Structures are given as C-alpha cells and as structure tokens.
Amino acid sequence: MIDTLDGKKILIIIGGGIAAYKCLDLIRRLKDRGVKIQSILTKGGEQFVTPLAVSSLTERKVYQDLFSLNDEAEMGHIKLSRDNELILVAPATADLMAKMATGIADNLATTTLLASTKPIMIAPTMNSQMWDHPATQHNLTVLKERGTLVISPAAGDLACGEVGTGRLAEVENIIEEIESFFLSNSNLALQGKKITITAGPTHEAIDPVRYIVNHSSGKQGYAIAEALYREGAEITLISGPTNLNVSLGIKKVNVISAREMMSATEKSLPADVVICVAAVTDWYIKNRAVQKIKKQKEGLPSLELSENPDILKTIATHKSNRPPLVIGFAAESENLIEYAKEKLNSKRCDWIVANDISGEVMGGENNQVHIITSKLAEKWPDMKKTDVAVKLTKKIVYFFKEK
C-alpha cells in the first residue's frame, strides 16, 4: 500500500535543547518515506546541530535569520508559513512555547508561527520542574485551545541528570503522531472513482526473439497512477513491459501487445476516467514467424504490417460504456499544438496531453506538456513527471467538482 506520508510537505522548526540532535534522525526517516521537508533552525538549535547537517539531510536550504535579505528574497517567512501542510516544532522549549502562547515574534521561527494558517504540532522538551511549572502548563492550555497539536514529552532520565517528565518523545512516536494527523485529515477527493490508465510501450513480435516497439519508459503513466491513487481513486494500471514498480493498492494488468492492451482496457470498463498514456505501437506483424528468422545471404525478410486497434478512439466512442472523462496523450516532434488538436477531434476524446519529444522526454525525469481541450490550449512549464502527474490529478479533481 502507498505510504501515507509520501509527498507530504512539512516545515520543521528546530528549537534549542540537547534533544535537537534527534531531529536529524527524524528528518532522515521522514525523507525515507517521501516527505518534502523545509527547516528553520533557531539560535538555540544551532548550539546542538549544525545548519550543514540539517541541509544535508533535507537536501534544501536551512532558514535561520529573519533579517537576512537573501532568506527573505528566496523564501519569506509568510511563504514559509503557508507552503507546507504541517509545521512541526521539535524540540519545543519552554521559551518557544511561551512566545507562541503570547504572540511574540522576535525571530524567524516565532514570526513564521505567528503568520501561519496551517496546523501546528509541537513536541516539548525541558526539565521536569519547568514542564510542571504553572506558567508552562498555562501556556500549554492556551496553545491547545488554539488548536495546536501536542506530542506529550516522555518520562525518564533527563539531560540535566534528574528523572521525570520532559524528555523529547521518541522519533518513532513523533512519526506516528504525524502519520495519525495526515490520516485523520486526509481528504480523498477521488474516493469512489474508477480510473483506468494505460502506460509503457507495447511490443509487437516479429519472431520469438525480435519485436518492434515505441520508445517509452512508462514513468509518466506510472506517476499519474500513483498521484490519482493518493487521492483515493480505484486504479487499474494496464502496463506494457517496463522495469517500474507500483503501489500494492493499484491493480496492475501486465500486457505485451497492443491488442492485449485493448482487450484489458475494455475489460476495465465501466470507469469514470480512462487515461491513455501508453506509447502503443501502430502496427503488428501479420506474418509473425513461429521460429527465429535466420539471416539470409541475399535479400531481406518480408514483414507484412497490419494496423493495431485504436485504443483511445475505441474508448472515446464506446457506445455502452463511454467514461465521463477520456484523456489521450500526444507525443509529437513537430507542430505540437496543431497535431494535438487534430488528434483531439479525430479521436473524440475530452482532453489531449501533448508533449514535445524532440528533447530527452522519452525515458527522462522531466516533461513539458500542453493540455488541449475543445475550449483551450494550456501550456505547463517544464517540470518533473511526478509534478505533471500531481497537476493533472488536480485538474481531474476539479473536473468532477464542476460536474
């Protein structure tokens, strides 16, 4: 099953206290689960972990100074406070909690917290006497009343040599709390929707060892399947031969030829959406050899080609099970918009995602596409195929909200 934290965006504010070193392990584990992390390191936090260590793990810049012009130009505190789905303060010292409760904004961390409209979670750590002090407990009550999520400190040996409540919660417990937050606040916009996606190439056999094929890694189709699955859709991924893995919750149907892909796609109906991403070979070998064709001394073997079924057009014109939304892909090396519009009309689908293959799109990590409909031609910037998938998913979500 897909990781519930994969793709989530979290801002971690690292407060002072010797327990700050645990944040390095926390960041590493969250990154391993696909979380996108930004970080603010307070002056106190700098005494225990270095900016270099934090940035090495997050693979992003560490923000420290409210009055740094570079920091403000690159990522102002307002943007930092709102670009993430959750803000985690760990360790949350007594001082940080007091400033949060009273609205003091005298550094980048407290200013960001005060400017945020996103959920805030704190993991307090301090001496047990400080934790039990009425002032701290009052601040804790104020923060809870405002909706701040609190990961209670653990009891045990403290850094000061005393024993009591005040230890930073274990990394495993912090991750469990984060996971619980996202599970309880998940908004699966496509839950209940059935979506079929074709991906990868198709192979058309010449003989038992040779075949004709279109270039395709399958990366874009698989990324779209994963993005839609994260929104709760029931996914059937019909894939030609690739080396890619898929989440266990996605139903994957492996095929080789275009005719097998056509059959599997029709069997997946009825569906709410069909997205034809696969690079389907246009022809198959009608006189396919049963045995390996041996090299001839003179002349070349004669291959009789026959046209493969048009999967996109068949689904878009299906008489009994035409999905509400049919999306095709158009890979073109020239006249991108013109050919994409022609394909939209001839195939009678709803959208065409057109991509220029004159660069290194085939097999690469990035893609630049245009979304063509009967009403518009929308150009998207060059971005990772995973980001194209997320952006297309949002467009599909909007389509159903408007219906």
Protein backbone atom coordinates (compact mmCIF):
# COMPACT_ATOMS: atom_id res chain seq x y z
CA MET A 1 0.00 0.00 0.00
CA ILE A 2 1.21 3.52 -0.71
CA ASP A 3 2.91 5.33 2.18
CA THR A 4 0.51 7.77 3.84
CA LEU A 5 3.34 10.31 4.24
CA ASP A 6 4.65 10.13 0.67
CA GLY A 7 4.56 13.59 -0.93
CA LYS A 8 3.51 15.41 2.24
CA LYS A 9 5.13 18.80 2.91
CA ILE A 10 6.31 19.60 6.43
CA LEU A 11 8.18 22.59 7.88
CA ILE A 12 10.30 21.54 10.87
CA ILE A 13 11.34 24.23 13.34
CA ILE A 14 14.27 23.00 15.41
CA GLY A 15 14.34 24.61 18.83
CA GLY A 16 17.12 24.67 21.44
CA GLY A 17 17.88 21.80 23.76
CA ILE A 18 20.17 18.81 23.60
CA ALA A 19 17.33 16.73 22.15
CA ALA A 20 17.68 18.73 18.92
CA TYR A 21 20.06 16.02 17.72
CA LYS A 22 17.07 13.66 17.43
CA CYS A 23 15.68 15.88 14.70
CA LEU A 24 18.41 14.67 12.37
CA ASP A 25 17.14 11.10 12.70
CA LEU A 26 13.55 12.35 12.39
CA ILE A 27 14.34 14.19 9.16
CA ARG A 28 16.15 11.18 7.73
CA ARG A 29 13.24 8.85 8.45
CA LEU A 30 10.64 11.25 7.10
CA LYS A 31 12.69 11.74 3.92
CA ASP A 32 12.88 7.96 3.51
CA ARG A 33 9.08 7.96 3.49
CA GLY A 34 8.85 10.59 0.77
CA VAL A 35 8.17 13.67 2.91
CA LYS A 36 9.28 17.01 1.47
CA ILE A 37 10.91 18.92 4.30
CA GLN A 38 11.82 22.57 4.82
CA SER A 39 13.51 23.65 8.03
CA ILE A 40 14.11 26.60 10.32
CA LEU A 41 16.99 26.33 12.77
CA THR A 42 16.72 28.61 15.83
CA LYS A 43 19.68 30.21 17.58
CA GLY A 44 19.28 27.68 20.39
CA GLY A 45 19.05 24.81 17.94
CA GLU A 46 22.35 25.90 16.35
CA GLN A 47 24.11 25.11 19.62
CA PHE A 48 23.34 21.42 19.18
CA VAL A 49 23.08 20.73 15.44
CA THR A 50 24.74 22.48 12.52
CA PRO A 51 22.98 24.04 9.53
CA LEU A 52 25.15 21.85 7.28
CA ALA A 53 23.91 18.65 8.94
CA VAL A 54 20.27 19.70 8.58
CA SER A 55 20.60 20.87 4.98
CA SER A 56 22.46 17.69 4.02
CA LEU A 57 19.51 15.62 5.22
CA THR A 58 16.69 17.81 3.89
CA GLU A 59 18.64 18.50 0.66
CA ARG A 60 17.34 22.06 0.92
CA LYS A 61 18.45 25.37 2.38
CA VAL A 62 18.11 25.80 6.14
CA TYR A 63 16.48 29.11 7.13
CA GLN A 64 17.82 30.86 10.21
CA ASP A 65 17.70 34.66 10.18
CA LEU A 66 14.53 36.77 9.96
CA PHE A 67 16.52 39.76 8.78
CA SER A 68 18.59 38.01 6.11
CA LEU A 69 17.75 39.66 2.78
CA ASN A 70 18.73 36.51 0.92
CA ASP A 71 16.42 34.37 3.03
CA GLU A 72 13.52 36.79 2.62
CA ALA A 73 14.06 37.05 -1.14
CA GLU A 74 14.26 33.30 -1.61
CA MET A 75 11.57 32.23 0.86
CA GLY A 76 9.93 34.91 3.01
CA HIS A 77 8.52 33.96 6.39
CA ILE A 78 4.97 34.39 5.08
CA LYS A 79 5.62 31.93 2.25
CA LEU A 80 7.42 29.53 4.59
CA SER A 81 4.44 29.58 6.93
CA ARG A 82 1.92 28.67 4.23
CA ASP A 83 3.71 26.47 1.69
CA ASN A 84 3.62 23.41 3.94
CA GLU A 85 0.81 21.15 5.13
CA LEU A 86 2.07 20.93 8.70
CA ILE A 87 4.52 22.86 10.91
CA LEU A 88 6.33 20.74 13.48
CA VAL A 89 8.24 22.41 16.33
CA ALA A 90 10.74 19.93 17.76
CA PRO A 91 12.15 20.36 20.28
CA ALA A 92 9.61 22.90 21.58
CA THR A 93 11.33 24.57 24.51
CA ALA A 94 9.55 26.37 27.37
CA ASP A 95 10.73 29.66 25.85
CA LEU A 96 9.34 28.82 22.40
CA MET A 97 6.02 27.71 23.87
CA ALA A 98 5.75 30.93 25.91
CA LYS A 99 6.40 33.05 22.82
CA MET A 100 3.86 31.08 20.81
CA ALA A 101 1.24 31.48 23.54
CA THR A 102 1.74 35.24 23.89
CA GLY A 103 2.26 36.02 20.21
CA ILE A 104 5.85 37.23 20.45
CA ALA A 105 7.54 37.35 17.02
CA ASP A 106 11.19 38.25 17.56
CA ASN A 107 12.90 35.74 15.28
CA LEU A 108 12.25 33.79 12.10
CA ALA A 109 10.71 30.79 13.90
CA THR A 110 8.22 32.73 16.02
CA THR A 111 7.36 35.10 13.16
CA THR A 112 6.65 32.17 10.88
CA LEU A 113 4.48 30.51 13.52
CA LEU A 114 2.50 33.71 14.10
CA ALA A 115 1.96 34.19 10.35
CA SER A 116 0.89 30.61 9.70
CA THR A 117 -2.61 29.48 8.81
CA LYS A 118 -1.54 25.81 8.73
CA PRO A 119 -1.79 23.19 11.51
CA ILE A 120 1.00 23.38 14.10
CA MET A 121 2.33 20.43 16.08
CA ILE A 122 4.80 20.75 18.95
CA ALA A 123 7.00 18.20 20.69
CA PRO A 124 8.01 19.81 24.02
CA THR A 125 11.20 19.03 25.91
CA MET A 126 12.57 20.61 29.09
CA ASN A 127 13.45 19.95 32.73
CA SER A 128 10.57 18.28 34.58
CA GLN A 129 10.24 21.23 37.02
CA MET A 130 9.93 23.61 34.05
CA TRP A 131 7.33 21.33 32.45
CA ASP A 132 5.23 21.17 35.64
CA HIS A 133 5.50 24.93 36.34
CA PRO A 134 2.09 26.68 36.27
CA ALA A 135 3.36 29.13 33.63
CA THR A 136 4.29 26.35 31.22
CA GLN A 137 1.05 24.47 31.88
CA HIS A 138 -0.91 27.69 31.32
CA ASN A 139 0.88 28.24 28.00
CA LEU A 140 0.22 24.63 27.06
CA THR A 141 -3.51 25.08 27.77
CA VAL A 142 -3.62 28.27 25.66
CA LEU A 143 -1.90 26.57 22.74
CA LYS A 144 -4.23 23.54 22.90
CA GLU A 145 -7.27 25.81 22.96
CA ARG A 146 -5.99 27.44 19.76
CA GLY A 147 -5.74 24.05 18.08
CA THR A 148 -2.03 23.37 18.48
CA LEU A 149 -1.34 19.63 18.41
CA VAL A 150 0.88 18.43 21.26
CA ILE A 151 3.11 15.36 21.35
CA SER A 152 3.49 14.81 25.09
CA PRO A 153 7.02 14.57 26.45
CA ALA A 154 8.20 11.23 27.79
CA ALA A 155 9.26 10.38 31.32
CA GLY A 156 12.73 9.12 32.19
CA ASP A 157 16.32 10.29 32.61
CA LEU A 158 16.77 13.94 31.63
CA ALA A 159 19.89 15.60 30.24
CA CYS A 160 20.29 17.59 33.45
CA GLY A 161 20.72 14.37 35.43
CA GLU A 162 17.27 14.39 37.00
CA VAL A 163 14.46 11.92 36.40
CA GLY A 164 10.96 13.00 35.43
CA THR A 165 8.68 14.07 32.59
CA GLY A 166 10.33 16.28 29.99
CA ARG A 167 12.19 14.05 27.54
CA LEU A 168 11.51 14.64 23.86
CA ALA A 169 9.21 11.92 22.58
CA GLU A 170 10.99 9.16 20.69
CA VAL A 171 11.34 9.64 16.94
CA GLU A 172 9.04 6.67 16.27
CA ASN A 173 6.32 8.27 18.41
CA ILE A 174 6.68 11.62 16.64
CA ILE A 175 6.33 9.95 13.24
CA GLU A 176 3.26 8.04 14.48
CA GLU A 177 1.66 11.33 15.56
CA ILE A 178 2.45 12.93 12.20
CA GLU A 179 1.02 9.93 10.37
CA SER A 180 -2.10 9.99 12.54
CA PHE A 181 -2.57 13.68 11.75
CA PHE A 182 -2.46 13.13 7.99
CA LEU A 183 -4.70 10.06 8.17
CA SER A 184 -7.37 11.87 10.20
CA ASN A 185 -7.19 14.95 7.97
CA SER A 186 -6.98 13.19 4.63
CA ASN A 187 -9.37 14.48 2.00
CA LEU A 188 -9.54 11.83 -0.66
CA ALA A 189 -11.08 13.87 -3.43
CA LEU A 190 -11.39 10.95 -5.86
CA GLN A 191 -12.61 8.28 -3.47
CA GLY A 192 -15.13 6.07 -5.23
CA LYS A 193 -13.89 6.94 -8.72
CA LYS A 194 -12.67 4.17 -11.01
CA ILE A 195 -9.79 5.20 -13.24
CA THR A 196 -8.03 3.18 -15.92
CA ILE A 197 -4.55 4.18 -17.11
CA THR A 198 -2.51 2.67 -19.93
CA ALA A 199 1.25 3.06 -19.63
CA GLY A 200 4.57 1.99 -21.10
CA PRO A 201 5.26 0.59 -24.58
CA THR A 202 3.70 -2.32 -26.44
CA HIS A 203 5.84 -4.96 -28.14
CA GLU A 204 4.83 -6.49 -31.48
CA ALA A 205 6.65 -9.75 -32.16
CA ILE A 206 8.45 -10.35 -35.46
CA ASP A 207 9.57 -13.80 -34.35
CA PRO A 208 10.25 -15.40 -30.93
CA VAL A 209 13.29 -13.13 -30.30
CA ARG A 210 12.59 -9.87 -32.15
CA TYR A 211 9.87 -7.24 -31.95
CA ILE A 212 9.02 -3.67 -32.96
CA VAL A 213 8.36 -1.12 -30.25
CA ASN A 214 7.91 2.59 -29.49
CA HIS A 215 10.24 4.30 -27.02
CA SER A 216 8.59 4.56 -23.60
CA SER A 217 9.85 4.13 -20.03
CA GLY A 218 6.33 4.18 -18.55
CA LYS A 219 7.40 6.77 -15.96
CA GLN A 220 4.72 9.33 -16.77
CA GLY A 221 1.87 6.83 -16.76
CA TYR A 222 3.03 5.24 -13.51
CA ALA A 223 3.41 8.68 -11.88
CA ILE A 224 -0.16 9.56 -12.88
CA ALA A 225 -1.43 6.27 -11.45
CA GLU A 226 0.30 6.94 -8.12
CA ALA A 227 -0.93 10.57 -7.91
CA LEU A 228 -4.54 9.54 -8.58
CA TYR A 229 -4.26 6.66 -6.12
CA ARG A 230 -3.16 9.11 -3.41
CA GLU A 231 -6.46 10.92 -3.94
CA GLY A 232 -8.41 7.74 -3.20
CA ALA A 233 -9.22 6.60 -6.74
CA GLU A 234 -9.54 2.91 -7.58
CA ILE A 235 -6.80 2.45 -10.16
CA THR A 236 -6.37 -0.13 -12.90
CA LEU A 237 -2.95 0.31 -14.49
CA ILE A 238 -2.63 -1.54 -17.78
CA SER A 239 1.08 -1.65 -18.47
CA GLY A 240 3.26 -2.77 -21.31
CA PRO A 241 6.74 -4.14 -20.46
CA THR A 242 8.60 -1.80 -18.05
CA ASN A 243 11.05 -2.06 -15.14
CA LEU A 244 8.85 0.03 -12.81
CA ASN A 245 7.14 -0.92 -9.56
CA VAL A 246 3.70 0.16 -8.45
CA SER A 247 1.96 0.54 -5.07
CA LEU A 248 0.28 -2.64 -3.86
CA GLY A 249 -3.13 -0.96 -3.77
CA ILE A 250 -3.06 -0.33 -7.52
CA LYS A 251 -4.43 -3.12 -9.70
CA LYS A 252 -1.78 -3.73 -12.34
CA VAL A 253 -2.52 -5.67 -15.51
CA ASN A 254 0.59 -6.66 -17.45
CA VAL A 255 0.27 -6.88 -21.23
CA ILE A 256 2.70 -7.11 -24.13
CA SER A 257 0.92 -6.30 -27.38
CA ALA A 258 -1.46 -3.51 -28.37
CA ARG A 259 -4.27 -6.00 -28.90
CA GLU A 260 -3.78 -7.31 -25.36
CA MET A 261 -3.84 -3.73 -24.07
CA MET A 262 -7.05 -3.03 -26.00
CA SER A 263 -8.74 -6.09 -24.52
CA ALA A 264 -7.64 -5.27 -20.96
CA THR A 265 -8.80 -1.66 -21.29
CA GLU A 266 -12.27 -2.69 -22.45
CA LYS A 267 -12.50 -5.23 -19.62
CA SER A 268 -11.75 -2.45 -17.10
CA LEU A 269 -14.94 -0.61 -18.10
CA PRO A 270 -17.12 0.90 -16.79
CA ALA A 271 -14.76 3.59 -15.49
CA ASP A 272 -15.08 7.25 -14.54
CA VAL A 273 -11.85 8.17 -16.30
CA VAL A 274 -9.64 6.49 -18.88
CA ILE A 275 -6.19 7.97 -19.47
CA CYS A 276 -4.28 6.60 -22.46
CA VAL A 277 -0.63 7.37 -21.74
CA ALA A 278 0.91 4.25 -23.32
CA ALA A 279 3.10 4.53 -26.41
CA VAL A 280 1.15 1.96 -28.40
CA THR A 281 2.83 0.53 -31.47
CA ASP A 282 0.76 1.45 -34.53
CA TRP A 283 1.24 -1.85 -36.36
CA TYR A 284 1.70 -5.52 -35.64
CA ILE A 285 3.37 -8.20 -37.78
CA LYS A 286 0.66 -10.11 -39.60
CA ASN A 287 3.06 -12.80 -40.84
CA ARG A 288 4.86 -13.26 -37.50
CA ALA A 289 7.33 -16.14 -37.71
CA VAL A 290 6.91 -19.09 -35.36
CA GLN A 291 10.66 -19.81 -35.43
CA LYS A 292 13.56 -17.38 -35.33
CA ILE A 293 14.11 -15.83 -38.75
CA LYS A 294 17.61 -16.71 -39.94
CA LYS A 295 19.76 -14.12 -41.67
CA GLN A 296 19.60 -14.62 -45.43
CA LYS A 297 22.58 -14.50 -47.78
CA GLU A 298 20.61 -12.38 -50.21
CA GLY A 299 17.68 -10.08 -49.66
CA LEU A 300 15.71 -9.16 -46.55
CA PRO A 301 12.77 -10.88 -44.91
CA SER A 302 9.38 -9.51 -45.90
CA LEU A 303 7.28 -8.20 -42.99
CA GLU A 304 3.57 -7.72 -43.58
CA LEU A 305 2.24 -4.99 -41.27
CA SER A 306 -1.33 -4.69 -40.10
CA GLU A 307 -2.87 -1.80 -38.15
CA ASN A 308 -3.33 -2.18 -34.39
CA PRO A 309 -6.63 -1.23 -32.73
CA ASP A 310 -7.02 2.45 -31.78
CA ILE A 311 -7.46 2.19 -28.02
CA LEU A 312 -8.11 5.89 -27.37
CA LYS A 313 -10.71 6.26 -30.11
CA THR A 314 -12.41 2.99 -29.21
CA ILE A 315 -12.89 4.09 -25.61
CA ALA A 316 -13.87 7.67 -26.52
CA THR A 317 -16.56 6.44 -28.92
CA HIS A 318 -17.69 3.46 -26.86
CA LYS A 319 -21.45 3.07 -27.28
CA SER A 320 -22.33 1.44 -23.96
CA ASN A 321 -19.52 2.33 -21.53
CA ARG A 322 -18.04 5.67 -22.63
CA PRO A 323 -16.36 7.18 -19.50
CA PRO A 324 -17.31 10.73 -18.46
CA LEU A 325 -13.67 11.77 -19.00
CA VAL A 326 -11.34 10.32 -21.63
CA ILE A 327 -7.79 11.70 -21.80
CA GLY A 328 -5.25 10.93 -24.50
CA PHE A 329 -1.55 11.68 -24.80
CA ALA A 330 0.09 13.00 -27.96
CA ALA A 331 3.86 12.70 -28.35
CA GLU A 332 4.96 14.92 -31.23
CA SER A 333 8.32 16.04 -32.61
CA GLU A 334 6.87 18.98 -34.59
CA ASN A 335 3.69 21.08 -34.95
CA LEU A 336 2.76 20.09 -31.39
CA ILE A 337 -0.42 22.12 -30.90
CA GLU A 338 -1.73 21.63 -34.43
CA TYR A 339 -1.32 17.85 -34.34
CA ALA A 340 -2.70 17.63 -30.80
CA LYS A 341 -5.87 19.49 -31.81
CA GLU A 342 -6.26 17.19 -34.81
CA LYS A 343 -5.92 14.19 -32.50
CA LEU A 344 -8.47 15.62 -30.07
CA ASN A 345 -11.02 15.92 -32.87
CA SER A 346 -10.27 12.67 -34.66
CA LYS A 347 -10.20 10.52 -31.53
CA ARG A 348 -13.20 12.33 -30.00
CA CYS A 349 -11.65 12.37 -26.52
CA ASP A 350 -12.09 15.15 -23.95
CA TRP A 351 -8.51 16.22 -23.29
CA ILE A 352 -5.18 15.72 -25.00
CA VAL A 353 -1.94 15.99 -23.03
CA ALA A 354 0.57 16.95 -25.70
CA ASN A 355 4.29 16.69 -25.10
CA ASP A 356 7.20 17.64 -27.32
CA ILE A 357 9.52 14.63 -27.68
CA SER A 358 12.26 16.44 -29.57
CA GLY A 359 14.36 16.68 -26.37
CA GLU A 360 15.06 13.99 -23.74
CA VAL A 361 11.49 13.34 -22.63
CA MET A 362 11.45 9.66 -23.56
CA GLY A 363 12.94 7.87 -20.57
CA GLY A 364 13.84 11.13 -18.80
CA GLU A 365 12.57 12.50 -15.50
CA ASN A 366 11.06 15.76 -16.82
CA ASN A 367 8.25 16.62 -19.17
CA GLN A 368 6.72 19.77 -20.62
CA VAL A 369 3.14 19.42 -21.73
CA HIS A 370 0.20 21.34 -23.15
CA ILE A 371 -3.36 20.49 -22.12
CA ILE A 372 -5.61 20.72 -25.15
CA THR A 373 -9.41 20.75 -24.85
CA SER A 374 -12.16 21.98 -27.14
CA LYS A 375 -12.00 25.32 -25.32
CA LEU A 376 -8.34 25.94 -24.52
CA ALA A 377 -4.67 25.15 -25.06
CA GLU A 378 -2.87 25.45 -21.73
CA LYS A 379 0.92 25.33 -21.58
CA TRP A 380 2.54 23.96 -18.43
CA PRO A 381 6.17 24.75 -17.51
CA ASP A 382 8.89 22.15 -17.71
CA MET A 383 8.64 20.01 -14.57
CA LYS A 384 9.27 16.56 -13.18
CA LYS A 385 6.94 13.87 -14.45
CA THR A 386 5.75 13.33 -10.88
CA ASP A 387 4.75 17.01 -10.71
CA VAL A 388 2.96 16.75 -14.06
CA ALA A 389 1.03 13.83 -12.54
CA VAL A 390 0.03 15.86 -9.47
CA LYS A 391 -1.04 18.83 -11.59
CA LEU A 392 -3.10 16.60 -13.90
CA THR A 393 -4.70 14.94 -10.86
CA LYS A 394 -5.78 18.34 -9.52
CA LYS A 395 -7.34 19.12 -12.90
CA ILE A 396 -9.27 15.84 -12.81
CA VAL A 397 -10.46 16.58 -9.25
CA TYR A 398 -11.70 19.98 -10.43
CA PHE A 399 -13.49 18.35 -13.39
CA PHE A 400 -15.61 16.21 -11.05
CA LYS A 401 -16.25 19.06 -8.63
CA GLU A 402 -17.68 21.09 -11.51
CA LYS A 403 -19.98 18.30 -12.69
